[in-house]
Amino acid sequence: MYKLKIENGYYIFKLDDMLKQKNISINQLMKDTNTDFKVIKRIMTGNLVKLDIFVLARFCDYLNCPLNDLVQYLPNKK
């Protein structure tokens, strides 16, 4: 899990946790979803500028999970 602080809150990236839970390697995810290694690592670490909804949809379909199991947004408490 990786937590990325932004101005209005946090994004939590949980792809690595989901892969561990389902016992799936990054290499297997790469092959089965036809996704570049760099793209997967960026989503895992939050080292990105924008989220590709098509890639996230492929991951959700492949892992049989909702989007918030992979990426979650938490606003700052006011």
C-alpha atoms as a PDB file:
ATOM      1  CA  MET A   1       0.000   0.000   0.000  1.00  0.00           C
ATOM      2  CA  TYR A   2       1.256   3.445  -0.875  1.00  0.00           C
ATOM      3  CA  LYS A   3      -0.258   6.678   0.435  1.00  0.00           C
ATOM      4  CA  LEU A   4       0.109   9.816  -1.689  1.00  0.00           C
ATOM      5  CA  LYS A   5      -0.735  13.149  -0.066  1.00  0.00           C
ATOM      6  CA  ILE A   6      -2.297  15.757  -2.311  1.00  0.00           C
ATOM      7  CA  GLU A   7      -3.730  19.193  -1.569  1.00  0.00           C
ATOM      8  CA  ASN A   8      -7.232  18.026  -0.616  1.00  0.00           C
ATOM      9  CA  GLY A   9      -6.503  14.629   0.888  1.00  0.00           C
ATOM     10  CA  TYR A  10      -4.816  11.339   0.084  1.00  0.00           C
ATOM     11  CA  TYR A  11      -4.794   8.679  -2.566  1.00  0.00           C
ATOM     12  CA  ILE A  12      -4.106   5.178  -1.346  1.00  0.00           C
ATOM     13  CA  PHE A  13      -2.757   2.765  -3.954  1.00  0.00           C
ATOM     14  CA  LYS A  14      -3.410  -0.843  -2.989  1.00  0.00           C
ATOM     15  CA  LEU A  15      -2.548  -2.867  -6.098  1.00  0.00           C
ATOM     16  CA  ASP A  16       0.448  -4.509  -4.434  1.00  0.00           C
ATOM     17  CA  ASP A  17      -1.716  -5.652  -1.506  1.00  0.00           C
ATOM     18  CA  MET A  18      -4.305  -7.103  -3.857  1.00  0.00           C
ATOM     19  CA  LEU A  19      -1.657  -8.993  -5.822  1.00  0.00           C
ATOM     20  CA  LYS A  20      -0.211 -10.452  -2.617  1.00  0.00           C
ATOM     21  CA  GLN A  21      -3.667 -11.392  -1.377  1.00  0.00           C
ATOM     22  CA  LYS A  22      -4.451 -13.224  -4.610  1.00  0.00           C
ATOM     23  CA  ASN A  23      -0.920 -14.650  -4.929  1.00  0.00           C
ATOM     24  CA  ILE A  24      -0.343 -13.060  -8.356  1.00  0.00           C
ATOM     25  CA  SER A  25       3.056 -11.780  -9.442  1.00  0.00           C
ATOM     26  CA  ILE A  26       3.642  -8.537 -11.284  1.00  0.00           C
ATOM     27  CA  ASN A  27       4.928 -10.575 -14.224  1.00  0.00           C
ATOM     28  CA  GLN A  28       1.721 -12.597 -14.310  1.00  0.00           C
ATOM     29  CA  LEU A  29      -0.381  -9.416 -14.167  1.00  0.00           C
ATOM     30  CA  MET A  30       1.721  -7.953 -16.984  1.00  0.00           C
ATOM     31  CA  LYS A  31       1.215 -10.961 -19.234  1.00  0.00           C
ATOM     32  CA  ASP A  32      -2.453 -11.568 -18.477  1.00  0.00           C
ATOM     33  CA  THR A  33      -3.547  -7.921 -18.827  1.00  0.00           C
ATOM     34  CA  ASN A  34      -1.096  -6.905 -21.553  1.00  0.00           C
ATOM     35  CA  THR A  35       0.141  -4.011 -19.407  1.00  0.00           C
ATOM     36  CA  ASP A  36       3.647  -2.583 -19.389  1.00  0.00           C
ATOM     37  CA  PHE A  37       5.747  -3.150 -16.253  1.00  0.00           C
ATOM     38  CA  LYS A  38       6.369   0.589 -15.835  1.00  0.00           C
ATOM     39  CA  VAL A  39       2.640   1.314 -15.852  1.00  0.00           C
ATOM     40  CA  ILE A  40       2.023  -1.295 -13.156  1.00  0.00           C
ATOM     41  CA  LYS A  41       4.865   0.017 -10.978  1.00  0.00           C
ATOM     42  CA  ARG A  42       3.582   3.600 -11.294  1.00  0.00           C
ATOM     43  CA  ILE A  43       0.128   2.553 -10.136  1.00  0.00           C
ATOM     44  CA  MET A  44       1.616   0.545  -7.271  1.00  0.00           C
ATOM     45  CA  THR A  45       3.778   3.421  -6.038  1.00  0.00           C
ATOM     46  CA  GLY A  46       1.531   6.364  -6.860  1.00  0.00           C
ATOM     47  CA  ASN A  47       4.332   7.807  -8.984  1.00  0.00           C
ATOM     48  CA  LEU A  48       2.001   9.125 -11.671  1.00  0.00           C
ATOM     49  CA  VAL A  49       0.280  12.262 -12.850  1.00  0.00           C
ATOM     50  CA  LYS A  50      -2.987  10.759 -14.078  1.00  0.00           C
ATOM     51  CA  LEU A  51      -4.824   7.478 -13.690  1.00  0.00           C
ATOM     52  CA  ASP A  52      -5.630   5.519 -16.827  1.00  0.00           C
ATOM     53  CA  ILE A  53      -9.213   4.318 -16.369  1.00  0.00           C
ATOM     54  CA  PHE A  54      -8.797   1.696 -19.080  1.00  0.00           C
ATOM     55  CA  VAL A  55      -5.834   0.092 -17.303  1.00  0.00           C
ATOM     56  CA  LEU A  56      -7.643   0.215 -13.974  1.00  0.00           C
ATOM     57  CA  ALA A  57     -10.703  -1.411 -15.568  1.00  0.00           C
ATOM     58  CA  ARG A  58      -8.496  -4.234 -16.925  1.00  0.00           C
ATOM     59  CA  PHE A  59      -7.038  -4.761 -13.456  1.00  0.00           C
ATOM     60  CA  CYS A  60     -10.471  -4.757 -11.806  1.00  0.00           C
ATOM     61  CA  ASP A  61     -11.768  -7.300 -14.324  1.00  0.00           C
ATOM     62  CA  TYR A  62      -8.698  -9.496 -13.982  1.00  0.00           C
ATOM     63  CA  LEU A  63      -8.620  -9.359 -10.172  1.00  0.00           C
ATOM     64  CA  ASN A  64     -12.420  -9.489  -9.870  1.00  0.00           C
ATOM     65  CA  CYS A  65     -12.550  -6.506  -7.538  1.00  0.00           C
ATOM     66  CA  PRO A  66     -14.059  -3.017  -7.365  1.00  0.00           C
ATOM     67  CA  LEU A  67     -11.918   0.017  -8.116  1.00  0.00           C
ATOM     68  CA  ASN A  68     -11.694   1.075  -4.463  1.00  0.00           C
ATOM     69  CA  ASP A  69      -9.830  -2.179  -3.739  1.00  0.00           C
ATOM     70  CA  LEU A  70      -7.029  -0.813  -5.946  1.00  0.00           C
ATOM     71  CA  VAL A  71      -7.192   2.982  -5.542  1.00  0.00           C
ATOM     72  CA  GLN A  72      -8.926   4.907  -2.805  1.00  0.00           C
ATOM     73  CA  TYR A  73      -9.316   8.636  -2.234  1.00  0.00           C
ATOM     74  CA  LEU A  74      -9.644  10.023   1.280  1.00  0.00           C
ATOM     75  CA  PRO A  75     -10.428  13.754   1.627  1.00  0.00           C
ATOM     76  CA  ASN A  76      -8.906  15.793   4.419  1.00  0.00           C
ATOM     77  CA  LYS A  77     -11.107  16.038   7.492  1.00  0.00           C
ATOM     78  CA  LYS A  78     -12.529  19.487   8.023  1.00  0.00           C
END
